[in-house]
Amino acid sequence: MVRLAIVQGLSYTHMAQVQRRWLLPTYAAAYRWTGNRPDAEDLTEWIFHNLGRDFGAAQRVQVVQKLLTELTSEAIVRHWSARYGVMGLNVTASAPTDSRPRLESLLADLTAEMHLALIRRFVRRLPIATIANRLRVPVEEADRHVLVALAQVAERIGFGPTHNIPHRLDDVSAFVTDLVARRPPVRFEARSGMWRAMVAACHIQAAIAGNDLPSRRFVRSLEPASGFVTEPRIWSA
C-alpha cells in the first residue's frame, strides 16, 4: 500500500524523462498500426511534439500516461482517415505499453494452410506469385487465401468477424507487398473490410522481431534539446 502511494506521487520534471521512458513503447504502438518505419516515425514525432509543446512544470506520471494514450489514439485515427479515407474509427488497445503482441498469439488457431501462407508472406517475405506457385493455384487465389487469413487475425485483434471479404484484392495485396518490402504503402481509399485486413497486416509486421524498433537516427532527432521547434511533417502536405 505504501509502495503504491509512492508510485502514484511520482512526476516527470522534464521531457527527457518522458522520452527515456516512453519513446520505445510509443514508437512500437505507432508501428503496430502503420506497419512501416516512415509512417511510425511520423506518428511518433507528432505525438511527442504535441506532448512536449506545453510541457512546463512537473507532470504527474498518470497524467502523462493518459495524455500519451489519447495522443496515440488520435494519431492513429488521423493516419487512417487522412491517408486511406477511413472515417469513424474507434481505436482500442492503442496505448503505449511495454508488452507487445507475439506473432505466435496473432497466428494461433489459424488453419495450417493459413498459418503457413502468412509465415511465407510476412516472415519469409516471399512474393505472392511464389506462394501461388508452391500452392499450385492462380495468383488471385493465393491472394484471397492470404486475405482470408488476415481477416481472421483481425478478428483476433478485436475487430469482430468480417462478413464480407473485400473485392479489391489488388489494393490490399499491394499494401502488404509494400509492408513486406519495408517501404511506405501507396495511399488509396480503403473500405472497412479492407482496413481490417490492412491493420491485421500491420500488426503481423510489427510482431516480427526487430521490425518495431526505431533507428538511432530517429531517436536522436527527437532529443528534447531540439525543442521540437519545427512542425512534424505528418499531415502537413
C-alpha atoms as a PDB file:
ATOM      1  CA  MET A   1       0.000   0.000   0.000  1.00  0.00           C
ATOM      2  CA  VAL A   2       2.827   2.385   0.900  1.00  0.00           C
ATOM      3  CA  ARG A   3       4.668   1.448  -2.309  1.00  0.00           C
ATOM      4  CA  LEU A   4       1.569   2.214  -4.378  1.00  0.00           C
ATOM      5  CA  ALA A   5       1.236   5.637  -2.790  1.00  0.00           C
ATOM      6  CA  ILE A   6       4.861   6.429  -3.615  1.00  0.00           C
ATOM      7  CA  VAL A   7       4.428   5.413  -7.259  1.00  0.00           C
ATOM      8  CA  GLN A   8       1.286   7.497  -7.598  1.00  0.00           C
ATOM      9  CA  GLY A   9       3.138  10.531  -6.316  1.00  0.00           C
ATOM     10  CA  LEU A  10       5.889  10.400  -8.938  1.00  0.00           C
ATOM     11  CA  SER A  11       6.174  13.184 -11.501  1.00  0.00           C
ATOM     12  CA  TYR A  12       8.167  13.918 -14.638  1.00  0.00           C
ATOM     13  CA  THR A  13      10.078  17.172 -14.334  1.00  0.00           C
ATOM     14  CA  HIS A  14      11.237  17.472 -17.960  1.00  0.00           C
ATOM     15  CA  MET A  15      10.632  15.872 -21.344  1.00  0.00           C
ATOM     16  CA  ALA A  16      13.900  13.917 -21.332  1.00  0.00           C
ATOM     17  CA  GLN A  17      12.466  11.712 -18.593  1.00  0.00           C
ATOM     18  CA  VAL A  18       9.292  11.127 -20.583  1.00  0.00           C
ATOM     19  CA  GLN A  19      11.230  10.295 -23.722  1.00  0.00           C
ATOM     20  CA  ARG A  20      13.529   7.830 -21.974  1.00  0.00           C
ATOM     21  CA  ARG A  21      10.519   6.024 -20.539  1.00  0.00           C
ATOM     22  CA  TRP A  22       8.003   6.202 -23.390  1.00  0.00           C
ATOM     23  CA  LEU A  23       9.738   6.682 -26.747  1.00  0.00           C
ATOM     24  CA  LEU A  24      10.198   2.972 -27.500  1.00  0.00           C
ATOM     25  CA  PRO A  25       6.689   1.899 -26.375  1.00  0.00           C
ATOM     26  CA  THR A  26       5.104   4.812 -28.256  1.00  0.00           C
ATOM     27  CA  TYR A  27       7.023   4.057 -31.445  1.00  0.00           C
ATOM     28  CA  ALA A  28       6.093   0.370 -31.137  1.00  0.00           C
ATOM     29  CA  ALA A  29       2.404   1.283 -30.797  1.00  0.00           C
ATOM     30  CA  ALA A  30       2.639   3.562 -33.842  1.00  0.00           C
ATOM     31  CA  TYR A  31       4.368   0.849 -35.862  1.00  0.00           C
ATOM     32  CA  ARG A  32       1.721  -1.677 -34.835  1.00  0.00           C
ATOM     33  CA  TRP A  33      -0.941   0.482 -36.505  1.00  0.00           C
ATOM     34  CA  THR A  34       1.051   1.538 -39.580  1.00  0.00           C
ATOM     35  CA  GLY A  35       3.334  -1.414 -40.338  1.00  0.00           C
ATOM     36  CA  ASN A  36       6.246   0.627 -41.687  1.00  0.00           C
ATOM     37  CA  ARG A  37       9.044   2.816 -40.341  1.00  0.00           C
ATOM     38  CA  PRO A  38       8.379   6.186 -42.082  1.00  0.00           C
ATOM     39  CA  ASP A  39       4.728   6.306 -41.004  1.00  0.00           C
ATOM     40  CA  ALA A  40       5.573   5.117 -37.489  1.00  0.00           C
ATOM     41  CA  GLU A  41       8.177   7.872 -37.246  1.00  0.00           C
ATOM     42  CA  ASP A  42       5.640  10.453 -38.416  1.00  0.00           C
ATOM     43  CA  LEU A  43       3.102   9.374 -35.802  1.00  0.00           C
ATOM     44  CA  THR A  44       5.667   9.238 -33.002  1.00  0.00           C
ATOM     45  CA  GLU A  45       7.051  12.658 -33.926  1.00  0.00           C
ATOM     46  CA  TRP A  46       3.551  14.141 -33.913  1.00  0.00           C
ATOM     47  CA  ILE A  47       2.726  12.555 -30.544  1.00  0.00           C
ATOM     48  CA  PHE A  48       5.851  13.856 -28.796  1.00  0.00           C
ATOM     49  CA  HIS A  49       5.581  17.251 -30.488  1.00  0.00           C
ATOM     50  CA  ASN A  50       2.087  17.721 -29.068  1.00  0.00           C
ATOM     51  CA  LEU A  51       3.054  16.289 -25.702  1.00  0.00           C
ATOM     52  CA  GLY A  52       6.148  18.453 -25.387  1.00  0.00           C
ATOM     53  CA  ARG A  53       4.983  21.824 -26.669  1.00  0.00           C
ATOM     54  CA  ASP A  54       3.007  22.588 -23.486  1.00  0.00           C
ATOM     55  CA  PHE A  55       5.261  20.697 -21.080  1.00  0.00           C
ATOM     56  CA  GLY A  56       6.207  23.113 -18.344  1.00  0.00           C
ATOM     57  CA  ALA A  57       6.074  22.361 -14.650  1.00  0.00           C
ATOM     58  CA  ALA A  58       6.292  18.844 -13.266  1.00  0.00           C
ATOM     59  CA  GLN A  59       3.684  16.497 -14.685  1.00  0.00           C
ATOM     60  CA  ARG A  60       2.334  13.548 -12.734  1.00  0.00           C
ATOM     61  CA  VAL A  61       3.106  10.133 -14.172  1.00  0.00           C
ATOM     62  CA  GLN A  62      -0.566   9.221 -14.509  1.00  0.00           C
ATOM     63  CA  VAL A  63      -1.332  12.461 -16.358  1.00  0.00           C
ATOM     64  CA  VAL A  64       1.470  11.896 -18.869  1.00  0.00           C
ATOM     65  CA  GLN A  65       0.409   8.303 -19.487  1.00  0.00           C
ATOM     66  CA  LYS A  66      -3.184   9.400 -20.069  1.00  0.00           C
ATOM     67  CA  LEU A  67      -2.074  12.120 -22.494  1.00  0.00           C
ATOM     68  CA  LEU A  68       0.142   9.663 -24.368  1.00  0.00           C
ATOM     69  CA  THR A  69      -2.749   7.237 -24.757  1.00  0.00           C
ATOM     70  CA  GLU A  70      -5.054   9.982 -26.038  1.00  0.00           C
ATOM     71  CA  LEU A  71      -2.458  11.389 -28.442  1.00  0.00           C
ATOM     72  CA  THR A  72      -1.564   7.922 -29.751  1.00  0.00           C
ATOM     73  CA  SER A  73      -5.209   7.127 -30.443  1.00  0.00           C
ATOM     74  CA  GLU A  74      -5.677  10.486 -32.167  1.00  0.00           C
ATOM     75  CA  ALA A  75      -2.552   9.990 -34.276  1.00  0.00           C
ATOM     76  CA  ILE A  76      -3.749   6.549 -35.410  1.00  0.00           C
ATOM     77  CA  VAL A  77      -7.195   7.852 -36.340  1.00  0.00           C
ATOM     78  CA  ARG A  78      -5.691  10.793 -38.234  1.00  0.00           C
ATOM     79  CA  HIS A  79      -3.307   8.498 -40.089  1.00  0.00           C
ATOM     80  CA  TRP A  80      -6.055   6.211 -41.382  1.00  0.00           C
ATOM     81  CA  SER A  81      -8.513   8.984 -42.175  1.00  0.00           C
ATOM     82  CA  ALA A  82      -6.043  11.324 -43.915  1.00  0.00           C
ATOM     83  CA  ARG A  83      -4.143   8.662 -45.841  1.00  0.00           C
ATOM     84  CA  TYR A  84      -6.740   5.985 -46.531  1.00  0.00           C
ATOM     85  CA  GLY A  85     -10.076   7.758 -46.129  1.00  0.00           C
ATOM     86  CA  VAL A  86     -11.207   5.532 -43.261  1.00  0.00           C
ATOM     87  CA  MET A  87     -13.687   7.509 -41.172  1.00  0.00           C
ATOM     88  CA  GLY A  88     -15.434   6.954 -37.851  1.00  0.00           C
ATOM     89  CA  LEU A  89     -12.729   4.788 -36.314  1.00  0.00           C
ATOM     90  CA  ASN A  90     -12.974   3.724 -32.693  1.00  0.00           C
ATOM     91  CA  VAL A  91      -9.402   2.732 -31.977  1.00  0.00           C
ATOM     92  CA  THR A  92      -8.859   0.491 -28.973  1.00  0.00           C
ATOM     93  CA  ALA A  93      -5.756  -1.127 -27.486  1.00  0.00           C
ATOM     94  CA  SER A  94      -3.631   1.743 -28.804  1.00  0.00           C
ATOM     95  CA  ALA A  95      -1.994   2.785 -25.535  1.00  0.00           C
ATOM     96  CA  PRO A  96       1.802   2.569 -25.488  1.00  0.00           C
ATOM     97  CA  THR A  97       2.807  -0.349 -23.262  1.00  0.00           C
ATOM     98  CA  ASP A  98       5.858  -2.484 -22.595  1.00  0.00           C
ATOM     99  CA  SER A  99       4.045  -5.632 -23.719  1.00  0.00           C
ATOM    100  CA  ARG A 100       3.823  -6.312 -27.440  1.00  0.00           C
ATOM    101  CA  PRO A 101       1.712  -8.891 -29.293  1.00  0.00           C
ATOM    102  CA  ARG A 102       3.626 -12.043 -30.104  1.00  0.00           C
ATOM    103  CA  LEU A 103       3.492 -13.437 -33.606  1.00  0.00           C
ATOM    104  CA  GLU A 104       2.501 -16.823 -32.247  1.00  0.00           C
ATOM    105  CA  SER A 105      -0.539 -15.377 -30.490  1.00  0.00           C
ATOM    106  CA  LEU A 106      -1.685 -13.485 -33.589  1.00  0.00           C
ATOM    107  CA  LEU A 107      -1.499 -16.620 -35.745  1.00  0.00           C
ATOM    108  CA  ALA A 108      -2.886 -19.013 -33.153  1.00  0.00           C
ATOM    109  CA  ASP A 109      -5.919 -21.113 -34.145  1.00  0.00           C
ATOM    110  CA  LEU A 110      -5.470 -20.471 -37.868  1.00  0.00           C
ATOM    111  CA  THR A 111      -5.595 -23.482 -40.129  1.00  0.00           C
ATOM    112  CA  ALA A 112      -2.224 -24.955 -41.034  1.00  0.00           C
ATOM    113  CA  GLU A 113      -2.593 -23.622 -44.577  1.00  0.00           C
ATOM    114  CA  MET A 114      -3.410 -20.080 -43.456  1.00  0.00           C
ATOM    115  CA  HIS A 115      -0.642 -20.088 -40.862  1.00  0.00           C
ATOM    116  CA  LEU A 116       1.888 -21.189 -43.474  1.00  0.00           C
ATOM    117  CA  ALA A 117       0.614 -18.640 -46.001  1.00  0.00           C
ATOM    118  CA  LEU A 118       1.158 -15.750 -43.559  1.00  0.00           C
ATOM    119  CA  ILE A 119       4.571 -17.047 -42.483  1.00  0.00           C
ATOM    120  CA  ARG A 120       5.646 -17.280 -46.114  1.00  0.00           C
ATOM    121  CA  ARG A 121       4.315 -13.816 -46.927  1.00  0.00           C
ATOM    122  CA  PHE A 122       5.489 -11.832 -43.890  1.00  0.00           C
ATOM    123  CA  VAL A 123       8.335 -13.730 -42.241  1.00  0.00           C
ATOM    124  CA  ARG A 124       9.973 -15.291 -45.281  1.00  0.00           C
ATOM    125  CA  ARG A 125       8.908 -12.288 -47.408  1.00  0.00           C
ATOM    126  CA  LEU A 126       8.031 -14.402 -50.425  1.00  0.00           C
ATOM    127  CA  PRO A 127       6.247 -12.767 -53.388  1.00  0.00           C
ATOM    128  CA  ILE A 128       2.618 -13.775 -53.771  1.00  0.00           C
ATOM    129  CA  ALA A 129       3.458 -15.333 -57.142  1.00  0.00           C
ATOM    130  CA  THR A 130       5.958 -17.665 -55.468  1.00  0.00           C
ATOM    131  CA  ILE A 131       3.387 -18.641 -52.846  1.00  0.00           C
ATOM    132  CA  ALA A 132       0.840 -19.314 -55.591  1.00  0.00           C
ATOM    133  CA  ASN A 133       3.345 -21.479 -57.431  1.00  0.00           C
ATOM    134  CA  ARG A 134       4.045 -23.546 -54.319  1.00  0.00           C
ATOM    135  CA  LEU A 135       0.333 -23.956 -53.651  1.00  0.00           C
ATOM    136  CA  ARG A 136      -0.227 -24.705 -57.340  1.00  0.00           C
ATOM    137  CA  VAL A 137      -3.058 -22.205 -57.549  1.00  0.00           C
ATOM    138  CA  PRO A 138      -3.596 -18.956 -59.509  1.00  0.00           C
ATOM    139  CA  VAL A 139      -2.107 -15.791 -58.014  1.00  0.00           C
ATOM    140  CA  GLU A 140      -5.610 -14.394 -57.374  1.00  0.00           C
ATOM    141  CA  GLU A 141      -6.500 -17.443 -55.302  1.00  0.00           C
ATOM    142  CA  ALA A 142      -3.289 -17.210 -53.276  1.00  0.00           C
ATOM    143  CA  ASP A 143      -4.030 -13.525 -52.673  1.00  0.00           C
ATOM    144  CA  ARG A 144      -7.524 -14.348 -51.420  1.00  0.00           C
ATOM    145  CA  HIS A 145      -6.100 -17.096 -49.199  1.00  0.00           C
ATOM    146  CA  VAL A 146      -3.799 -14.575 -47.516  1.00  0.00           C
ATOM    147  CA  LEU A 147      -6.644 -12.062 -47.197  1.00  0.00           C
ATOM    148  CA  VAL A 148      -8.966 -14.575 -45.524  1.00  0.00           C
ATOM    149  CA  ALA A 149      -6.178 -15.390 -43.071  1.00  0.00           C
ATOM    150  CA  LEU A 150      -5.683 -11.672 -42.354  1.00  0.00           C
ATOM    151  CA  ALA A 151      -9.423 -11.314 -41.721  1.00  0.00           C
ATOM    152  CA  GLN A 152      -9.184 -13.990 -39.043  1.00  0.00           C
ATOM    153  CA  VAL A 153      -6.191 -12.244 -37.472  1.00  0.00           C
ATOM    154  CA  ALA A 154      -8.220  -9.010 -37.448  1.00  0.00           C
ATOM    155  CA  GLU A 155     -10.946 -10.801 -35.545  1.00  0.00           C
ATOM    156  CA  ARG A 156      -8.376 -11.997 -33.010  1.00  0.00           C
ATOM    157  CA  ILE A 157      -7.139  -8.413 -32.575  1.00  0.00           C
ATOM    158  CA  GLY A 158     -10.670  -7.403 -31.611  1.00  0.00           C
ATOM    159  CA  PHE A 159     -12.443  -6.097 -34.712  1.00  0.00           C
ATOM    160  CA  GLY A 160     -15.174  -8.737 -34.727  1.00  0.00           C
ATOM    161  CA  PRO A 161     -15.983 -11.131 -37.556  1.00  0.00           C
ATOM    162  CA  THR A 162     -15.508  -9.944 -41.127  1.00  0.00           C
ATOM    163  CA  HIS A 163     -18.589 -10.937 -43.096  1.00  0.00           C
ATOM    164  CA  ASN A 164     -17.504  -9.558 -46.476  1.00  0.00           C
ATOM    165  CA  ILE A 165     -14.079 -10.149 -47.948  1.00  0.00           C
ATOM    166  CA  PRO A 166     -13.171  -7.006 -49.951  1.00  0.00           C
ATOM    167  CA  HIS A 167     -13.341  -7.298 -53.728  1.00  0.00           C
ATOM    168  CA  ARG A 168     -10.373  -5.006 -54.417  1.00  0.00           C
ATOM    169  CA  LEU A 169      -7.696  -7.582 -53.692  1.00  0.00           C
ATOM    170  CA  ASP A 170      -5.092  -5.714 -55.726  1.00  0.00           C
ATOM    171  CA  ASP A 171      -5.047  -2.724 -53.353  1.00  0.00           C
ATOM    172  CA  VAL A 172      -4.711  -4.828 -50.214  1.00  0.00           C
ATOM    173  CA  SER A 173      -2.143  -7.098 -51.864  1.00  0.00           C
ATOM    174  CA  ALA A 174      -0.093  -4.060 -52.933  1.00  0.00           C
ATOM    175  CA  PHE A 175      -0.333  -2.705 -49.380  1.00  0.00           C
ATOM    176  CA  VAL A 176       1.018  -5.986 -47.980  1.00  0.00           C
ATOM    177  CA  THR A 177       3.759  -6.070 -50.622  1.00  0.00           C
ATOM    178  CA  ASP A 178       4.910  -2.608 -49.538  1.00  0.00           C
ATOM    179  CA  LEU A 179       4.911  -3.601 -45.858  1.00  0.00           C
ATOM    180  CA  VAL A 180       6.925  -6.734 -46.569  1.00  0.00           C
ATOM    181  CA  ALA A 181       9.369  -4.644 -48.625  1.00  0.00           C
ATOM    182  CA  ARG A 182       9.585  -2.238 -45.662  1.00  0.00           C
ATOM    183  CA  ARG A 183       8.528   0.858 -47.558  1.00  0.00           C
ATOM    184  CA  PRO A 184       5.593   3.272 -47.108  1.00  0.00           C
ATOM    185  CA  PRO A 185       2.495   1.818 -48.813  1.00  0.00           C
ATOM    186  CA  VAL A 186       0.777   3.588 -51.677  1.00  0.00           C
ATOM    187  CA  ARG A 187      -2.260   5.577 -50.469  1.00  0.00           C
ATOM    188  CA  PHE A 188      -5.771   4.703 -51.626  1.00  0.00           C
ATOM    189  CA  GLU A 189      -9.377   4.818 -50.441  1.00  0.00           C
ATOM    190  CA  ALA A 190      -9.855   1.834 -48.153  1.00  0.00           C
ATOM    191  CA  ARG A 191     -13.251   0.460 -47.206  1.00  0.00           C
ATOM    192  CA  SER A 192     -13.949  -1.092 -43.798  1.00  0.00           C
ATOM    193  CA  GLY A 193     -13.330  -4.688 -44.849  1.00  0.00           C
ATOM    194  CA  MET A 194     -10.080  -3.675 -46.494  1.00  0.00           C
ATOM    195  CA  TRP A 195      -8.992  -1.649 -43.472  1.00  0.00           C
ATOM    196  CA  ARG A 196      -9.372  -4.581 -41.095  1.00  0.00           C
ATOM    197  CA  ALA A 197      -7.156  -6.782 -43.241  1.00  0.00           C
ATOM    198  CA  MET A 198      -4.635  -3.948 -43.594  1.00  0.00           C
ATOM    199  CA  VAL A 199      -4.444  -3.366 -39.835  1.00  0.00           C
ATOM    200  CA  ALA A 200      -4.018  -7.101 -39.283  1.00  0.00           C
ATOM    201  CA  ALA A 201      -1.110  -6.995 -41.742  1.00  0.00           C
ATOM    202  CA  CYS A 202       0.411  -4.078 -39.796  1.00  0.00           C
ATOM    203  CA  HIS A 203       0.129  -5.987 -36.511  1.00  0.00           C
ATOM    204  CA  ILE A 204       1.791  -9.061 -38.005  1.00  0.00           C
ATOM    205  CA  GLN A 205       4.594  -6.972 -39.479  1.00  0.00           C
ATOM    206  CA  ALA A 206       5.152  -5.308 -36.083  1.00  0.00           C
ATOM    207  CA  ALA A 207       5.211  -8.653 -34.263  1.00  0.00           C
ATOM    208  CA  ILE A 208       8.201  -9.878 -36.280  1.00  0.00           C
ATOM    209  CA  ALA A 209      11.294  -9.459 -34.105  1.00  0.00           C
ATOM    210  CA  GLY A 210      13.158  -6.201 -34.654  1.00  0.00           C
ATOM    211  CA  ASN A 211      10.684  -4.571 -37.016  1.00  0.00           C
ATOM    212  CA  ASP A 212       9.184  -2.159 -34.479  1.00  0.00           C
ATOM    213  CA  LEU A 213      12.482  -0.782 -33.164  1.00  0.00           C
ATOM    214  CA  PRO A 214      13.258   2.832 -34.143  1.00  0.00           C
ATOM    215  CA  SER A 215      16.504   3.778 -35.849  1.00  0.00           C
ATOM    216  CA  ARG A 216      19.195   5.584 -33.886  1.00  0.00           C
ATOM    217  CA  ARG A 217      18.909   8.494 -36.299  1.00  0.00           C
ATOM    218  CA  PHE A 218      15.247   8.934 -35.447  1.00  0.00           C
ATOM    219  CA  VAL A 219      15.819   8.637 -31.700  1.00  0.00           C
ATOM    220  CA  ARG A 220      18.499  11.315 -31.874  1.00  0.00           C
ATOM    221  CA  SER A 221      16.221  13.568 -33.916  1.00  0.00           C
ATOM    222  CA  LEU A 222      13.692  13.629 -31.087  1.00  0.00           C
ATOM    223  CA  GLU A 223      16.089  14.654 -28.344  1.00  0.00           C
ATOM    224  CA  PRO A 224      14.325  17.196 -26.109  1.00  0.00           C
ATOM    225  CA  ALA A 225      17.228  19.603 -26.567  1.00  0.00           C
ATOM    226  CA  SER A 226      15.942  20.229 -30.075  1.00  0.00           C
ATOM    227  CA  GLY A 227      12.900  21.831 -28.502  1.00  0.00           C
ATOM    228  CA  PHE A 228      10.510  20.385 -31.082  1.00  0.00           C
ATOM    229  CA  VAL A 229      10.819  23.721 -32.877  1.00  0.00           C
ATOM    230  CA  THR A 230       9.666  22.547 -36.273  1.00  0.00           C
ATOM    231  CA  GLU A 231       6.252  21.170 -37.016  1.00  0.00           C
ATOM    232  CA  PRO A 232       6.371  17.455 -37.740  1.00  0.00           C
ATOM    233  CA  ARG A 233       5.897  16.609 -41.410  1.00  0.00           C
ATOM    234  CA  ILE A 234       2.915  14.353 -40.743  1.00  0.00           C
ATOM    235  CA  TRP A 235      -0.275  15.537 -42.482  1.00  0.00           C
ATOM    236  CA  SER A 236       1.385  18.853 -43.386  1.00  0.00           C
ATOM    237  CA  ALA A 237       1.004  18.419 -47.130  1.00  0.00           C
END
